[in-house]
C-alpha cells in the first residue's frame, strides 16, 4: 500500500490514485533547482541515488533564476525538449 502525503489544508482529503508504473525509469530525468536555499543539496543527493539505482538513465540539471516567479518559458521549453521526467527541488 502506498500512502501519498498532501501538504494542502483540505478539511476533506481528496482521494488520489497513483498512475500505473512499469517499475523502471528510462530516458532523461531533469532535476530543476528553483533557487530556494538547500534545494541543491536535495538534488545532489537525488542525483546520486538515481545514478546508483538506475544506471541506464541520464540526469540533467536545470536552474530557475528565482523561486519567486514561474520558470521562464524558454527554460520550460528546454526541459520539455530534453527530458522525459522532471523533479523540482522545494527545500529550505
N, C-alpha and C. Protein backbone atom coordinates (compact mmCIF):
# COMPACT_ATOMS: atom_id res chain seq x y z
N UNK A 1 0.85 -1.18 0.00
CA UNK A 1 0.00 0.00 0.00
C UNK A 1 0.89 1.23 0.00
N UNK A 2 0.56 2.20 -0.84
CA UNK A 2 1.30 3.44 -0.92
C UNK A 2 0.47 4.56 -0.30
N UNK A 3 1.08 5.34 0.57
CA UNK A 3 0.41 6.48 1.18
C UNK A 3 0.98 7.74 0.56
N UNK A 4 0.10 8.61 0.07
CA UNK A 4 0.52 9.88 -0.52
C UNK A 4 0.22 10.97 0.49
N UNK A 5 1.26 11.70 0.90
CA UNK A 5 1.09 12.81 1.84
C UNK A 5 0.83 14.08 1.04
N UNK A 6 -0.24 14.78 1.40
CA UNK A 6 -0.63 16.00 0.70
C UNK A 6 -0.52 17.17 1.67
N UNK A 7 0.37 18.14 1.40
CA UNK A 7 0.59 19.24 2.35
C UNK A 7 -0.49 20.32 2.34
N UNK A 8 -1.49 20.18 1.50
CA UNK A 8 -2.54 21.21 1.46
C UNK A 8 -3.48 21.07 2.65
N UNK A 9 -4.15 22.13 2.99
CA UNK A 9 -5.06 22.15 4.14
C UNK A 9 -6.48 21.84 3.66
N UNK A 10 -6.72 20.57 3.40
CA UNK A 10 -8.04 20.16 2.96
C UNK A 10 -8.77 19.55 4.15
N UNK A 11 -9.92 20.07 4.46
CA UNK A 11 -10.71 19.53 5.57
C UNK A 11 -11.25 18.15 5.24
N UNK A 12 -11.55 17.94 3.96
CA UNK A 12 -11.96 16.62 3.49
C UNK A 12 -10.95 16.22 2.43
N UNK A 13 -10.03 15.31 2.77
CA UNK A 13 -8.97 14.95 1.82
C UNK A 13 -9.52 14.40 0.51
N UNK A 14 -8.83 14.73 -0.57
CA UNK A 14 -9.18 14.24 -1.89
C UNK A 14 -8.54 12.87 -2.07
N UNK A 15 -9.30 11.90 -2.55
CA UNK A 15 -8.76 10.58 -2.81
C UNK A 15 -8.02 10.60 -4.13
N UNK A 16 -6.79 10.12 -4.11
CA UNK A 16 -5.97 10.09 -5.33
C UNK A 16 -5.43 8.70 -5.53
N UNK A 17 -5.23 8.34 -6.79
CA UNK A 17 -4.62 7.06 -7.11
C UNK A 17 -3.36 7.31 -7.92
N UNK A 18 -2.37 6.46 -7.70
CA UNK A 18 -1.15 6.55 -8.50
C UNK A 18 -1.42 6.03 -9.90
N UNK A 19 -0.78 6.64 -10.88
CA UNK A 19 -0.84 6.15 -12.25
C UNK A 19 -0.03 4.87 -12.31
N UNK A 20 -0.50 3.85 -13.00
CA UNK A 20 0.28 2.60 -13.09
C UNK A 20 1.69 2.89 -13.64
N UNK A 21 2.65 2.23 -13.06
CA UNK A 21 4.04 2.42 -13.46
C UNK A 21 4.68 1.08 -13.79
N UNK A 22 5.68 1.11 -14.64
CA UNK A 22 6.36 -0.12 -15.04
C UNK A 22 7.35 -0.60 -14.00
N UNK A 23 7.77 0.29 -13.10
CA UNK A 23 8.77 -0.07 -12.12
C UNK A 23 10.18 0.29 -12.55
N UNK A 24 10.34 0.78 -13.76
CA UNK A 24 11.66 1.14 -14.28
C UNK A 24 11.64 2.57 -14.78
N UNK A 25 12.74 3.27 -14.53
CA UNK A 25 12.90 4.61 -15.05
C UNK A 25 13.87 4.53 -16.22
N UNK A 26 13.44 5.04 -17.36
CA UNK A 26 14.31 5.06 -18.52
C UNK A 26 14.25 6.46 -19.14
N UNK A 27 15.28 6.81 -19.86
CA UNK A 27 15.29 8.11 -20.51
C UNK A 27 16.08 9.13 -19.72
N UNK A 28 15.63 10.38 -19.80
CA UNK A 28 16.34 11.51 -19.19
C UNK A 28 15.49 12.12 -18.09
N UNK A 29 16.10 12.31 -16.93
CA UNK A 29 15.44 12.94 -15.79
C UNK A 29 16.01 14.35 -15.63
N UNK A 30 15.13 15.34 -15.61
CA UNK A 30 15.53 16.72 -15.38
C UNK A 30 15.39 17.03 -13.90
N UNK A 31 16.44 17.55 -13.29
CA UNK A 31 16.39 17.99 -11.90
C UNK A 31 16.40 19.51 -11.93
N UNK A 32 15.30 20.12 -11.49
CA UNK A 32 15.14 21.57 -11.56
C UNK A 32 15.34 22.19 -10.19
N UNK A 33 16.38 22.97 -10.06
CA UNK A 33 16.67 23.73 -8.84
C UNK A 33 15.93 25.05 -8.97
N UNK A 34 14.97 25.30 -8.06
CA UNK A 34 14.17 26.52 -8.19
C UNK A 34 14.77 27.70 -7.42
N UNK A 35 16.00 27.57 -6.95
CA UNK A 35 16.75 28.65 -6.30
C UNK A 35 16.32 28.90 -4.86
N UNK A 36 15.72 27.90 -4.20
CA UNK A 36 15.45 28.02 -2.77
C UNK A 36 16.67 27.49 -2.03
N UNK A 37 16.93 28.02 -0.84
CA UNK A 37 18.09 27.54 -0.07
C UNK A 37 18.05 26.03 0.15
N UNK A 38 19.17 25.39 -0.05
CA UNK A 38 19.41 23.96 0.15
C UNK A 38 18.71 23.05 -0.86
N UNK A 39 18.04 23.63 -1.85
CA UNK A 39 17.45 22.80 -2.89
C UNK A 39 18.51 22.01 -3.63
N UNK A 40 19.68 22.63 -3.81
CA UNK A 40 20.77 21.94 -4.49
C UNK A 40 21.26 20.72 -3.70
N UNK A 41 21.19 20.80 -2.36
CA UNK A 41 21.60 19.67 -1.52
C UNK A 41 20.66 18.48 -1.76
N UNK A 42 19.37 18.76 -1.81
CA UNK A 42 18.38 17.72 -2.10
C UNK A 42 18.63 17.12 -3.48
N UNK A 43 18.84 17.96 -4.48
CA UNK A 43 19.04 17.46 -5.83
C UNK A 43 20.36 16.71 -5.99
N UNK A 44 21.41 17.14 -5.29
CA UNK A 44 22.68 16.41 -5.33
C UNK A 44 22.49 14.98 -4.84
N UNK A 45 21.78 14.84 -3.73
CA UNK A 45 21.54 13.51 -3.16
C UNK A 45 20.65 12.68 -4.08
N UNK A 46 19.61 13.29 -4.61
CA UNK A 46 18.71 12.58 -5.52
C UNK A 46 19.46 12.13 -6.77
N UNK A 47 20.31 13.00 -7.31
CA UNK A 47 21.08 12.64 -8.50
C UNK A 47 21.97 11.43 -8.22
N UNK A 48 22.63 11.44 -7.06
CA UNK A 48 23.49 10.31 -6.70
C UNK A 48 22.68 9.02 -6.58
N UNK A 49 21.51 9.09 -5.96
CA UNK A 49 20.65 7.91 -5.82
C UNK A 49 20.17 7.41 -7.18
N UNK A 50 19.75 8.32 -8.03
CA UNK A 50 19.29 7.92 -9.36
C UNK A 50 20.39 7.23 -10.15
N UNK A 51 21.58 7.80 -10.12
CA UNK A 51 22.70 7.22 -10.87
C UNK A 51 23.09 5.85 -10.32
N UNK A 52 22.94 5.68 -9.00
CA UNK A 52 23.28 4.42 -8.35
C UNK A 52 22.23 3.35 -8.62
N UNK A 53 20.97 3.72 -8.55
CA UNK A 53 19.88 2.73 -8.64
C UNK A 53 19.30 2.56 -10.04
N UNK A 54 19.54 3.50 -10.92
CA UNK A 54 19.02 3.41 -12.29
C UNK A 54 20.13 3.85 -13.24
N UNK A 55 21.17 3.03 -13.38
CA UNK A 55 22.34 3.45 -14.16
C UNK A 55 22.08 3.71 -15.64
N UNK A 56 20.96 3.27 -16.19
CA UNK A 56 20.67 3.48 -17.60
C UNK A 56 20.06 4.83 -17.92
N UNK A 57 19.78 5.64 -16.90
CA UNK A 57 19.16 6.93 -17.16
C UNK A 57 20.21 8.03 -17.28
N UNK A 58 19.79 9.12 -17.89
CA UNK A 58 20.62 10.31 -17.96
C UNK A 58 19.99 11.37 -17.05
N UNK A 59 20.81 12.06 -16.28
CA UNK A 59 20.32 13.12 -15.39
C UNK A 59 20.85 14.45 -15.90
N UNK A 60 19.95 15.42 -16.07
CA UNK A 60 20.35 16.77 -16.47
C UNK A 60 19.87 17.74 -15.41
N UNK A 61 20.70 18.73 -15.12
CA UNK A 61 20.37 19.74 -14.10
C UNK A 61 19.97 21.04 -14.77
N UNK A 62 18.96 21.68 -14.20
CA UNK A 62 18.47 22.97 -14.67
C UNK A 62 18.28 23.89 -13.47
N UNK A 63 18.41 25.19 -13.70
CA UNK A 63 18.31 26.16 -12.61
C UNK A 63 17.35 27.28 -12.98
N UNK A 64 16.42 27.54 -12.10
CA UNK A 64 15.49 28.64 -12.26
C UNK A 64 16.13 29.89 -11.67
N UNK A 65 15.96 31.06 -12.27
CA UNK A 65 16.62 32.26 -11.76
C UNK A 65 16.18 32.66 -10.35
N UNK A 66 14.91 32.46 -10.02
CA UNK A 66 14.41 32.84 -8.71
C UNK A 66 13.20 31.98 -8.36
N UNK A 67 13.01 31.72 -7.07
CA UNK A 67 11.85 30.92 -6.68
C UNK A 67 10.58 31.74 -6.59
N UNK A 68 10.69 33.06 -6.69
CA UNK A 68 9.52 33.93 -6.52
C UNK A 68 8.67 34.08 -7.77
N UNK A 69 9.17 33.59 -8.91
CA UNK A 69 8.44 33.71 -10.16
C UNK A 69 8.44 32.37 -10.88
N UNK A 70 7.45 32.14 -11.76
CA UNK A 70 7.46 30.90 -12.54
C UNK A 70 8.72 30.80 -13.40
N UNK A 71 9.06 29.59 -13.77
CA UNK A 71 10.21 29.38 -14.65
C UNK A 71 9.97 30.09 -15.97
N UNK A 72 11.00 30.72 -16.52
CA UNK A 72 10.84 31.37 -17.82
C UNK A 72 10.40 30.37 -18.89
N UNK A 73 9.64 30.85 -19.83
CA UNK A 73 9.13 29.98 -20.90
C UNK A 73 10.26 29.28 -21.64
N UNK A 74 11.37 29.97 -21.86
CA UNK A 74 12.50 29.34 -22.58
C UNK A 74 13.06 28.16 -21.79
N UNK A 75 13.12 28.28 -20.47
CA UNK A 75 13.60 27.18 -19.64
C UNK A 75 12.62 26.01 -19.68
N UNK A 76 11.35 26.30 -19.60
CA UNK A 76 10.34 25.23 -19.66
C UNK A 76 10.39 24.49 -20.99
N UNK A 77 10.55 25.24 -22.08
CA UNK A 77 10.65 24.61 -23.40
C UNK A 77 11.90 23.75 -23.50
N UNK A 78 13.00 24.23 -22.96
CA UNK A 78 14.26 23.48 -23.00
C UNK A 78 14.12 22.16 -22.24
N UNK A 79 13.55 22.21 -21.04
CA UNK A 79 13.34 20.99 -20.26
C UNK A 79 12.41 20.04 -21.01
N UNK A 80 11.33 20.57 -21.55
CA UNK A 80 10.36 19.75 -22.28
C UNK A 80 11.02 19.02 -23.45
N UNK A 81 11.93 19.70 -24.13
CA UNK A 81 12.55 19.09 -25.31
C UNK A 81 13.69 18.13 -24.95
N UNK A 82 14.25 18.26 -23.75
CA UNK A 82 15.44 17.47 -23.40
C UNK A 82 15.19 16.36 -22.39
N UNK A 83 14.02 16.34 -21.73
CA UNK A 83 13.83 15.39 -20.64
C UNK A 83 12.49 14.67 -20.73
N UNK A 84 12.46 13.48 -20.12
CA UNK A 84 11.24 12.67 -20.06
C UNK A 84 10.51 12.85 -18.72
N UNK A 85 11.24 13.21 -17.68
CA UNK A 85 10.70 13.40 -16.34
C UNK A 85 11.31 14.66 -15.73
N UNK A 86 10.59 15.27 -14.79
CA UNK A 86 11.12 16.45 -14.09
C UNK A 86 10.91 16.26 -12.58
N UNK A 87 11.96 16.55 -11.82
CA UNK A 87 11.87 16.62 -10.37
C UNK A 87 12.26 18.03 -9.99
N UNK A 88 11.40 18.70 -9.22
CA UNK A 88 11.64 20.07 -8.79
C UNK A 88 12.06 20.06 -7.33
N UNK A 89 13.13 20.78 -6.98
CA UNK A 89 13.60 20.83 -5.60
C UNK A 89 12.90 21.94 -4.84
N UNK A 90 12.15 21.57 -3.83
CA UNK A 90 11.49 22.52 -2.95
C UNK A 90 12.06 22.30 -1.56
N UNK A 91 13.03 23.08 -1.18
CA UNK A 91 13.66 22.89 0.12
C UNK A 91 14.05 24.22 0.73
N UNK A 92 14.21 24.24 2.01
CA UNK A 92 14.71 25.40 2.75
C UNK A 92 15.68 24.92 3.80
